[in-house]
Amino acid sequence: MSHAWRPVFVVLAVVVAMLVVRVIFVPSDFSAKNGDYKYQWHRLASEQFWKDFPVKHKGREFCQQCHSELVDKIKDSGHQNIQCENCHAMFEPAKKSHPINLKEDFGYLLDIGIERSRELCKRCHAELSYRPPTYTTSKGTVTFKMIDPTKHNAGVECVMCHDVHTAGFKTAGK
């Protein structure tokens, strides 16, 4: 046998080994449902589990039931693509401050409150080398307002000057 055949046999052995491993470890019902090979790969047996899985983020529509004026303000602002829970979900139960018990009354799974910390705003507005300088909204391309938190009013909470629901400066009298 020629030495040129050895790599062919090695490649075939690797392919066969990969197929054997796939048969052993990948469930038989793992497939692309409806032929959509880009997004539909999943275990068919787990579909009902995920349909029954409780949704934590209910979105702007849920908040609009009681806070329609704030939701309307955000729709016309630079924060229009941001859902309420991005800023109002409390990860420290002690900071929970919503006047209604949303968990008991509505089955809402998150603790909600008002976060006024500078750290919250810095998550999106601190200058980072990998963050793009623009973003797209329904109104077109907008330049993202970035700050250097060490220089821009250090030690002052952003909400002292900015109205987060309009993504602009607070006006006198409000």
N, C-alpha and C. Protein backbone atom coordinates (compact mmCIF):
# COMPACT_ATOMS: atom_id res chain seq x y z
N MET A 1 0.84 -1.18 0.00
CA MET A 1 0.00 0.00 0.00
C MET A 1 0.89 1.24 0.00
N SER A 2 0.49 2.20 -0.76
CA SER A 2 1.24 3.44 -0.89
C SER A 2 1.06 4.31 0.34
N HIS A 3 2.13 5.07 0.66
CA HIS A 3 2.07 5.97 1.81
C HIS A 3 1.04 7.09 1.59
N ALA A 4 0.63 7.35 0.39
CA ALA A 4 -0.34 8.40 0.09
C ALA A 4 -1.74 8.04 0.59
N TRP A 5 -2.00 6.75 0.82
CA TRP A 5 -3.32 6.33 1.29
C TRP A 5 -3.49 6.51 2.80
N ARG A 6 -2.42 6.59 3.54
CA ARG A 6 -2.51 6.71 5.00
C ARG A 6 -3.32 7.94 5.43
N PRO A 7 -3.07 9.14 4.88
CA PRO A 7 -3.88 10.31 5.30
C PRO A 7 -5.36 10.14 4.97
N VAL A 8 -5.66 9.45 3.87
CA VAL A 8 -7.07 9.22 3.52
C VAL A 8 -7.72 8.36 4.59
N PHE A 9 -7.04 7.31 5.02
CA PHE A 9 -7.60 6.44 6.06
C PHE A 9 -7.73 7.17 7.39
N VAL A 10 -6.79 8.04 7.71
CA VAL A 10 -6.86 8.82 8.96
C VAL A 10 -8.08 9.75 8.92
N VAL A 11 -8.28 10.42 7.79
CA VAL A 11 -9.43 11.32 7.65
C VAL A 11 -10.73 10.54 7.75
N LEU A 12 -10.81 9.41 7.08
CA LEU A 12 -12.02 8.58 7.16
C LEU A 12 -12.27 8.10 8.59
N ALA A 13 -11.21 7.72 9.30
CA ALA A 13 -11.36 7.27 10.69
C ALA A 13 -11.87 8.41 11.57
N VAL A 14 -11.36 9.61 11.36
CA VAL A 14 -11.82 10.77 12.14
C VAL A 14 -13.29 11.06 11.85
N VAL A 15 -13.70 11.02 10.60
CA VAL A 15 -15.09 11.26 10.24
C VAL A 15 -15.99 10.21 10.86
N VAL A 16 -15.62 8.94 10.79
CA VAL A 16 -16.41 7.86 11.38
C VAL A 16 -16.50 8.06 12.90
N ALA A 17 -15.39 8.42 13.54
CA ALA A 17 -15.39 8.65 14.99
C ALA A 17 -16.33 9.80 15.35
N MET A 18 -16.31 10.87 14.55
CA MET A 18 -17.21 12.01 14.82
C MET A 18 -18.67 11.58 14.69
N LEU A 19 -18.99 10.79 13.68
CA LEU A 19 -20.36 10.33 13.51
C LEU A 19 -20.80 9.43 14.66
N VAL A 20 -19.92 8.57 15.13
CA VAL A 20 -20.24 7.70 16.26
C VAL A 20 -20.49 8.54 17.51
N VAL A 21 -19.64 9.52 17.76
CA VAL A 21 -19.81 10.39 18.93
C VAL A 21 -21.13 11.15 18.83
N ARG A 22 -21.47 11.64 17.64
CA ARG A 22 -22.72 12.37 17.46
C ARG A 22 -23.92 11.47 17.75
N VAL A 23 -23.90 10.25 17.28
CA VAL A 23 -25.01 9.31 17.52
C VAL A 23 -25.15 9.04 19.02
N ILE A 24 -24.04 8.95 19.72
CA ILE A 24 -24.08 8.65 21.16
C ILE A 24 -24.57 9.85 21.98
N PHE A 25 -24.08 11.06 21.67
CA PHE A 25 -24.34 12.21 22.54
C PHE A 25 -25.47 13.13 22.11
N VAL A 26 -25.84 13.16 20.85
CA VAL A 26 -26.90 14.06 20.39
C VAL A 26 -28.22 13.31 20.43
N PRO A 27 -29.24 13.86 21.12
CA PRO A 27 -30.53 13.17 21.19
C PRO A 27 -31.14 12.95 19.80
N SER A 28 -31.88 11.87 19.67
CA SER A 28 -32.44 11.53 18.35
C SER A 28 -33.48 12.54 17.88
N ASP A 29 -34.10 13.27 18.82
CA ASP A 29 -35.12 14.25 18.41
C ASP A 29 -34.55 15.66 18.23
N PHE A 30 -33.25 15.80 18.20
CA PHE A 30 -32.61 17.09 17.96
C PHE A 30 -32.58 17.34 16.46
N SER A 31 -33.36 18.32 16.02
CA SER A 31 -33.42 18.57 14.58
C SER A 31 -33.83 20.02 14.31
N ALA A 32 -33.85 20.35 13.04
CA ALA A 32 -34.28 21.68 12.62
C ALA A 32 -35.74 21.59 12.22
N LYS A 33 -36.60 22.11 13.05
CA LYS A 33 -38.04 22.05 12.80
C LYS A 33 -38.39 22.96 11.62
N ASN A 34 -39.29 22.52 10.80
CA ASN A 34 -39.78 23.26 9.64
C ASN A 34 -38.68 23.57 8.63
N GLY A 35 -37.57 22.87 8.68
CA GLY A 35 -36.53 23.04 7.68
C GLY A 35 -35.73 24.32 7.77
N ASP A 36 -35.94 25.11 8.83
CA ASP A 36 -35.17 26.35 8.99
C ASP A 36 -33.87 25.99 9.70
N TYR A 37 -32.82 25.79 8.94
CA TYR A 37 -31.57 25.30 9.51
C TYR A 37 -30.78 26.38 10.22
N LYS A 38 -31.22 27.62 10.15
CA LYS A 38 -30.47 28.69 10.81
C LYS A 38 -30.87 28.84 12.28
N TYR A 39 -32.18 28.83 12.58
CA TYR A 39 -32.63 29.15 13.93
C TYR A 39 -33.44 28.06 14.63
N GLN A 40 -33.83 27.04 13.93
CA GLN A 40 -34.79 26.11 14.51
C GLN A 40 -34.21 24.84 15.11
N TRP A 41 -32.90 24.76 15.30
CA TRP A 41 -32.31 23.56 15.88
C TRP A 41 -32.66 23.48 17.36
N HIS A 42 -33.32 22.42 17.75
CA HIS A 42 -33.66 22.21 19.17
C HIS A 42 -34.17 20.79 19.35
N ARG A 43 -34.31 20.42 20.64
CA ARG A 43 -34.90 19.12 20.96
C ARG A 43 -36.40 19.26 20.89
N LEU A 44 -37.03 18.47 20.06
CA LEU A 44 -38.48 18.54 19.91
C LEU A 44 -39.20 18.18 21.21
N ALA A 45 -38.61 17.31 22.02
CA ALA A 45 -39.23 16.90 23.28
C ALA A 45 -39.26 18.03 24.30
N SER A 46 -38.42 19.05 24.12
CA SER A 46 -38.39 20.13 25.12
C SER A 46 -39.25 21.34 24.73
N GLU A 47 -39.97 21.27 23.63
CA GLU A 47 -40.79 22.41 23.20
C GLU A 47 -41.81 22.81 24.26
N GLN A 48 -42.51 21.84 24.82
CA GLN A 48 -43.54 22.18 25.81
C GLN A 48 -42.93 22.79 27.07
N PHE A 49 -41.76 22.32 27.47
CA PHE A 49 -41.08 22.90 28.63
C PHE A 49 -40.86 24.39 28.41
N TRP A 50 -40.37 24.78 27.24
CA TRP A 50 -40.08 26.19 26.98
C TRP A 50 -41.34 27.01 26.75
N LYS A 51 -42.40 26.38 26.25
CA LYS A 51 -43.68 27.10 26.13
C LYS A 51 -44.26 27.41 27.50
N ASP A 52 -44.04 26.50 28.46
CA ASP A 52 -44.56 26.69 29.82
C ASP A 52 -43.62 27.50 30.71
N PHE A 53 -42.40 27.78 30.26
CA PHE A 53 -41.41 28.50 31.06
C PHE A 53 -41.91 29.92 31.34
N PRO A 54 -41.91 30.34 32.60
CA PRO A 54 -42.44 31.68 32.92
C PRO A 54 -41.58 32.80 32.35
N VAL A 55 -42.25 33.77 31.74
CA VAL A 55 -41.57 34.92 31.15
C VAL A 55 -41.31 35.94 32.26
N LYS A 56 -40.06 36.37 32.39
CA LYS A 56 -39.72 37.35 33.42
C LYS A 56 -39.94 38.77 32.91
N HIS A 57 -39.47 39.06 31.71
CA HIS A 57 -39.59 40.40 31.16
C HIS A 57 -40.88 40.50 30.36
N LYS A 58 -41.80 41.30 30.84
CA LYS A 58 -43.09 41.41 30.17
C LYS A 58 -43.12 42.54 29.17
N GLY A 59 -42.13 43.41 29.21
CA GLY A 59 -42.03 44.45 28.20
C GLY A 59 -42.84 45.70 28.50
N ARG A 60 -42.70 46.63 27.60
CA ARG A 60 -43.29 47.95 27.74
C ARG A 60 -44.82 47.90 27.82
N GLU A 61 -45.44 46.95 27.12
CA GLU A 61 -46.91 46.87 27.11
C GLU A 61 -47.45 46.62 28.52
N PHE A 62 -46.76 45.81 29.30
CA PHE A 62 -47.19 45.54 30.67
C PHE A 62 -47.12 46.81 31.51
N CYS A 63 -46.04 47.55 31.39
CA CYS A 63 -45.85 48.77 32.18
C CYS A 63 -46.83 49.87 31.76
N GLN A 64 -47.20 49.87 30.49
CA GLN A 64 -48.07 50.92 29.96
C GLN A 64 -49.46 50.88 30.58
N GLN A 65 -49.86 49.77 31.15
CA GLN A 65 -51.17 49.67 31.79
C GLN A 65 -51.35 50.73 32.88
N CYS A 66 -50.27 51.03 33.60
CA CYS A 66 -50.34 52.01 34.69
C CYS A 66 -49.51 53.26 34.41
N HIS A 67 -48.49 53.15 33.59
CA HIS A 67 -47.54 54.25 33.38
C HIS A 67 -47.56 54.73 31.93
N SER A 68 -48.74 54.94 31.38
CA SER A 68 -48.85 55.29 29.96
C SER A 68 -48.14 56.59 29.62
N GLU A 69 -48.16 57.58 30.54
CA GLU A 69 -47.52 58.86 30.24
C GLU A 69 -46.00 58.71 30.11
N LEU A 70 -45.40 57.87 30.93
CA LEU A 70 -43.94 57.65 30.85
C LEU A 70 -43.57 56.83 29.61
N VAL A 71 -44.39 55.84 29.29
CA VAL A 71 -44.12 55.03 28.11
C VAL A 71 -44.26 55.89 26.85
N ASP A 72 -45.23 56.78 26.82
CA ASP A 72 -45.39 57.68 25.66
C ASP A 72 -44.19 58.61 25.52
N LYS A 73 -43.66 59.10 26.65
CA LYS A 73 -42.48 59.97 26.60
C LYS A 73 -41.27 59.22 26.02
N ILE A 74 -41.11 57.98 26.43
CA ILE A 74 -39.96 57.20 25.97
C ILE A 74 -40.07 56.89 24.48
N LYS A 75 -41.27 56.66 23.97
CA LYS A 75 -41.46 56.34 22.55
C LYS A 75 -40.91 57.43 21.64
N ASP A 76 -40.88 58.66 22.11
CA ASP A 76 -40.39 59.79 21.31
C ASP A 76 -38.99 60.22 21.70
N SER A 77 -38.26 59.39 22.42
CA SER A 77 -36.94 59.79 22.93
C SER A 77 -35.83 58.92 22.35
N GLY A 78 -34.63 59.24 22.73
CA GLY A 78 -33.47 58.44 22.34
C GLY A 78 -33.43 57.09 23.03
N HIS A 79 -34.26 56.90 24.04
CA HIS A 79 -34.32 55.62 24.75
C HIS A 79 -35.46 54.74 24.24
N GLN A 80 -35.99 55.03 23.07
CA GLN A 80 -37.17 54.33 22.57
C GLN A 80 -36.97 52.84 22.36
N ASN A 81 -35.75 52.38 22.15
CA ASN A 81 -35.50 50.96 21.93
C ASN A 81 -35.21 50.20 23.21
N ILE A 82 -35.26 50.86 24.34
CA ILE A 82 -34.92 50.24 25.62
C ILE A 82 -36.20 49.87 26.35
N GLN A 83 -36.29 48.62 26.78
CA GLN A 83 -37.45 48.18 27.54
C GLN A 83 -37.34 48.66 28.99
N CYS A 84 -38.46 48.83 29.64
CA CYS A 84 -38.51 49.36 31.01
C CYS A 84 -37.65 48.55 31.98
N GLU A 85 -37.69 47.22 31.85
CA GLU A 85 -36.96 46.36 32.79
C GLU A 85 -35.45 46.56 32.72
N ASN A 86 -34.95 47.09 31.63
CA ASN A 86 -33.50 47.31 31.54
C ASN A 86 -33.03 48.24 32.65
N CYS A 87 -33.85 49.17 33.05
CA CYS A 87 -33.46 50.12 34.11
C CYS A 87 -34.21 49.87 35.42
N HIS A 88 -35.38 49.28 35.37
CA HIS A 88 -36.20 49.18 36.57
C HIS A 88 -36.20 47.82 37.25
N ALA A 89 -35.54 46.81 36.69
CA ALA A 89 -35.44 45.52 37.36
C ALA A 89 -34.39 45.64 38.46
N MET A 90 -34.76 45.28 39.68
CA MET A 90 -33.86 45.38 40.83
C MET A 90 -33.26 44.02 41.12
N PHE A 91 -31.96 43.96 41.16
CA PHE A 91 -31.29 42.70 41.44
C PHE A 91 -30.94 42.58 42.92
N GLU A 92 -31.15 43.64 43.67
CA GLU A 92 -31.00 43.61 45.11
C GLU A 92 -32.40 43.78 45.70
N PRO A 93 -32.96 42.73 46.32
CA PRO A 93 -34.33 42.81 46.83
C PRO A 93 -34.56 44.01 47.76
N ALA A 94 -33.53 44.48 48.43
CA ALA A 94 -33.69 45.62 49.33
C ALA A 94 -34.02 46.90 48.57
N LYS A 95 -33.66 46.98 47.28
CA LYS A 95 -33.94 48.17 46.48
C LYS A 95 -35.31 48.15 45.83
N LYS A 96 -36.03 47.04 45.99
CA LYS A 96 -37.37 46.93 45.40
C LYS A 96 -38.24 48.05 45.97
N SER A 97 -38.92 48.80 45.09
CA SER A 97 -39.68 49.93 45.61
C SER A 97 -40.99 50.18 44.87
N HIS A 98 -41.48 49.22 44.11
CA HIS A 98 -42.75 49.44 43.41
C HIS A 98 -43.88 49.43 44.43
N PRO A 99 -44.82 50.37 44.33
CA PRO A 99 -45.88 50.47 45.34
C PRO A 99 -46.85 49.29 45.34
N ILE A 100 -46.94 48.56 44.24
CA ILE A 100 -47.84 47.42 44.15
C ILE A 100 -46.99 46.15 44.17
N ASN A 101 -47.49 45.11 44.82
CA ASN A 101 -46.77 43.84 44.83
C ASN A 101 -47.07 43.13 43.51
N LEU A 102 -46.22 43.35 42.53
CA LEU A 102 -46.44 42.81 41.19
C LEU A 102 -46.37 41.29 41.16
N LYS A 103 -45.59 40.70 42.07
CA LYS A 103 -45.47 39.24 42.10
C LYS A 103 -46.78 38.60 42.52
N GLU A 104 -47.37 39.11 43.59
CA GLU A 104 -48.63 38.55 44.08
C GLU A 104 -49.80 38.90 43.18
N ASP A 105 -49.90 40.17 42.79
CA ASP A 105 -51.08 40.65 42.06
C ASP A 105 -51.08 40.28 40.58
N PHE A 106 -49.91 40.20 39.94
CA PHE A 106 -49.86 39.98 38.50
C PHE A 106 -48.99 38.81 38.08
N GLY A 107 -48.37 38.11 39.02
CA GLY A 107 -47.50 37.01 38.69
C GLY A 107 -46.21 37.45 37.99
N TYR A 108 -45.84 38.70 38.21
CA TYR A 108 -44.64 39.27 37.61
C TYR A 108 -43.44 38.76 38.38
N LEU A 109 -42.43 38.25 37.71
CA LEU A 109 -41.35 37.54 38.39
C LEU A 109 -40.17 38.40 38.82
N LEU A 110 -40.11 39.67 38.38
CA LEU A 110 -38.98 40.54 38.72
C LEU A 110 -39.33 41.48 39.86
N ASP A 111 -38.33 41.88 40.62
CA ASP A 111 -38.50 42.95 41.59
C ASP A 111 -38.28 44.26 40.84
N ILE A 112 -39.22 45.18 40.96
CA ILE A 112 -39.18 46.43 40.21
C ILE A 112 -39.00 47.60 41.18
N GLY A 113 -38.24 48.57 40.74
CA GLY A 113 -38.04 49.77 41.54
C GLY A 113 -37.46 50.87 40.67
N ILE A 114 -37.05 51.94 41.30
CA ILE A 114 -36.46 53.06 40.57
C ILE A 114 -34.99 53.11 40.92
N GLU A 115 -34.17 52.89 39.93
CA GLU A 115 -32.71 52.93 40.12
C GLU A 115 -32.23 54.29 39.62
N ARG A 116 -31.61 55.05 40.49
CA ARG A 116 -31.15 56.39 40.13
C ARG A 116 -29.62 56.50 40.15
N SER A 117 -28.95 55.38 40.19
CA SER A 117 -27.50 55.43 40.34
C SER A 117 -26.79 55.81 39.05
N ARG A 118 -25.67 56.41 39.20
CA ARG A 118 -24.81 56.78 38.08
C ARG A 118 -24.31 55.51 37.36
N GLU A 119 -24.11 54.46 38.13
CA GLU A 119 -23.62 53.19 37.56
C GLU A 119 -24.58 52.64 36.52
N LEU A 120 -25.87 52.81 36.73
CA LEU A 120 -26.86 52.32 35.77
C LEU A 120 -26.70 53.03 34.43
N CYS A 121 -26.55 54.34 34.44
CA CYS A 121 -26.38 55.10 33.19
C CYS A 121 -25.07 54.78 32.50
N LYS A 122 -24.04 54.52 33.30
CA LYS A 122 -22.72 54.22 32.74
C LYS A 122 -22.71 52.90 31.96
N ARG A 123 -23.65 52.02 32.25
CA ARG A 123 -23.71 50.75 31.51
C ARG A 123 -23.81 51.00 30.01
N CYS A 124 -24.50 52.07 29.62
CA CYS A 124 -24.66 52.37 28.20
C CYS A 124 -23.89 53.60 27.75
N HIS A 125 -23.69 54.56 28.64
CA HIS A 125 -23.15 55.85 28.22
C HIS A 125 -21.67 56.08 28.53
N ALA A 126 -21.00 55.17 29.18
CA ALA A 126 -19.56 55.32 29.42
C ALA A 126 -18.81 55.03 28.12
N GLU A 127 -17.80 55.84 27.84
CA GLU A 127 -17.02 55.64 26.63
C GLU A 127 -16.26 54.32 26.72
N LEU A 128 -16.48 53.47 25.74
CA LEU A 128 -15.79 52.19 25.67
C LEU A 128 -15.28 52.02 24.25
N SER A 129 -14.07 51.56 24.12
CA SER A 129 -13.44 51.48 22.80
C SER A 129 -14.19 50.57 21.83
N TYR A 130 -14.91 49.58 22.32
CA TYR A 130 -15.58 48.62 21.44
C TYR A 130 -17.02 49.00 21.12
N ARG A 131 -17.54 50.06 21.73
CA ARG A 131 -18.93 50.45 21.50
C ARG A 131 -19.04 51.33 20.26
N PRO A 132 -20.00 51.05 19.39
CA PRO A 132 -20.15 51.88 18.19
C PRO A 132 -20.64 53.28 18.55
N PRO A 133 -20.24 54.30 17.79
CA PRO A 133 -20.62 55.67 18.11
C PRO A 133 -22.05 56.03 17.68
N THR A 134 -22.70 55.18 16.90
CA THR A 134 -24.06 55.47 16.46
C THR A 134 -24.95 54.26 16.66
N TYR A 135 -26.27 54.51 16.66
CA TYR A 135 -27.24 53.43 16.69
C TYR A 135 -28.43 53.85 15.86
N THR A 136 -29.25 52.89 15.48
CA THR A 136 -30.36 53.16 14.58
C THR A 136 -31.69 53.05 15.33
N THR A 137 -32.55 54.04 15.14
CA THR A 137 -33.90 54.03 15.69
C THR A 137 -34.88 54.17 14.54
N SER A 138 -36.15 54.21 14.86
CA SER A 138 -37.15 54.40 13.82
C SER A 138 -37.03 55.78 13.19
N LYS A 139 -36.36 56.71 13.88
CA LYS A 139 -36.17 58.06 13.35
C LYS A 139 -34.91 58.17 12.51
N GLY A 140 -34.11 57.12 12.44
CA GLY A 140 -32.87 57.15 11.66
C GLY A 140 -31.67 56.87 12.54
N THR A 141 -30.50 57.20 12.03
CA THR A 141 -29.25 56.98 12.75
C THR A 141 -29.01 58.11 13.74
N VAL A 142 -28.69 57.75 14.97
CA VAL A 142 -28.48 58.72 16.04
C VAL A 142 -27.07 58.53 16.60
N THR A 143 -26.40 59.63 16.88
CA THR A 143 -25.09 59.55 17.53
C THR A 143 -25.30 59.28 19.01
N PHE A 144 -24.68 58.25 19.50
CA PHE A 144 -24.84 57.85 20.90
C PHE A 144 -24.08 58.83 21.79
N LYS A 145 -24.74 59.32 22.81
CA LYS A 145 -24.13 60.28 23.74
C LYS A 145 -23.25 59.54 24.74
N MET A 146 -21.94 59.70 24.60
CA MET A 146 -20.99 59.03 25.49
C MET A 146 -20.35 60.04 26.43
N ILE A 147 -19.97 59.56 27.61
CA ILE A 147 -19.29 60.42 28.57
C ILE A 147 -18.06 59.72 29.11
N ASP A 148 -17.15 60.52 29.60
CA ASP A 148 -16.03 60.00 30.38
C ASP A 148 -16.45 60.21 31.83
N PRO A 149 -16.86 59.16 32.53
CA PRO A 149 -17.41 59.30 33.87
C PRO A 149 -16.46 59.90 34.90
N THR A 150 -15.17 59.89 34.61
CA THR A 150 -14.23 60.50 35.55
C THR A 150 -14.19 62.02 35.40
N LYS A 151 -14.64 62.52 34.24
CA LYS A 151 -14.59 63.96 33.98
C LYS A 151 -15.98 64.61 33.96
N HIS A 152 -16.98 63.89 33.49
CA HIS A 152 -18.30 64.47 33.34
C HIS A 152 -19.07 64.44 34.66
N ASN A 153 -19.09 65.55 35.35
CA ASN A 153 -19.84 65.71 36.61
C ASN A 153 -19.64 64.53 37.57
N ALA A 154 -18.42 64.17 37.81
CA ALA A 154 -18.11 63.05 38.69
C ALA A 154 -18.73 63.29 40.07
N GLY A 155 -19.32 62.25 40.62
CA GLY A 155 -19.92 62.34 41.95
C GLY A 155 -21.36 62.82 41.96
N VAL A 156 -21.91 63.20 40.81
CA VAL A 156 -23.29 63.67 40.72
C VAL A 156 -24.11 62.62 39.99
N GLU A 157 -25.27 62.28 40.54
CA GLU A 157 -26.14 61.31 39.87
C GLU A 157 -26.68 61.93 38.58
N CYS A 158 -26.75 61.17 37.53
CA CYS A 158 -27.17 61.65 36.21
C CYS A 158 -28.58 62.23 36.24
N VAL A 159 -29.47 61.62 37.07
CA VAL A 159 -30.87 62.06 37.10
C VAL A 159 -31.05 63.44 37.72
N MET A 160 -29.99 64.00 38.28
CA MET A 160 -30.08 65.37 38.80
C MET A 160 -30.26 66.36 37.64
N CYS A 161 -29.68 66.06 36.49
CA CYS A 161 -29.75 66.96 35.33
C CYS A 161 -30.58 66.39 34.18
N HIS A 162 -30.64 65.07 34.08
CA HIS A 162 -31.25 64.42 32.91
C HIS A 162 -32.57 63.75 33.27
N ASP A 163 -33.54 63.89 32.35
CA ASP A 163 -34.81 63.16 32.44
C ASP A 163 -34.64 61.91 31.59
N VAL A 164 -34.57 60.76 32.22
CA VAL A 164 -34.27 59.53 31.49
C VAL A 164 -35.40 59.12 30.55
N HIS A 165 -36.63 59.54 30.83
CA HIS A 165 -37.74 59.15 29.97
C HIS A 165 -37.81 59.97 28.69
N THR A 166 -37.16 61.13 28.65
CA THR A 166 -37.09 61.90 27.41
C THR A 166 -35.69 61.84 26.81
N ALA A 167 -34.75 61.25 27.55
CA ALA A 167 -33.34 61.18 27.13
C ALA A 167 -32.80 62.58 26.85
N GLY A 168 -33.18 63.52 27.69
CA GLY A 168 -32.70 64.89 27.53
C GLY A 168 -32.54 65.55 28.88
N PHE A 169 -32.29 66.85 28.85
CA PHE A 169 -32.13 67.60 30.10
C PHE A 169 -33.49 67.86 30.73
N LYS A 170 -33.49 67.92 32.06
CA LYS A 170 -34.72 68.29 32.77
C LYS A 170 -35.00 69.75 32.48
N THR A 171 -36.27 70.06 32.36
CA THR A 171 -36.65 71.45 32.14
C THR A 171 -37.04 72.07 33.47
N ALA A 172 -36.95 73.38 33.56
CA ALA A 172 -37.30 74.10 34.80
C ALA A 172 -38.76 73.85 35.13
N GLY A 173 -39.03 73.69 36.41
CA GLY A 173 -40.40 73.49 36.87
C GLY A 173 -40.82 72.04 36.94
N LYS A 174 -39.94 71.09 36.58
CA LYS A 174 -40.32 69.67 36.65
C LYS A 174 -39.55 68.98 37.74
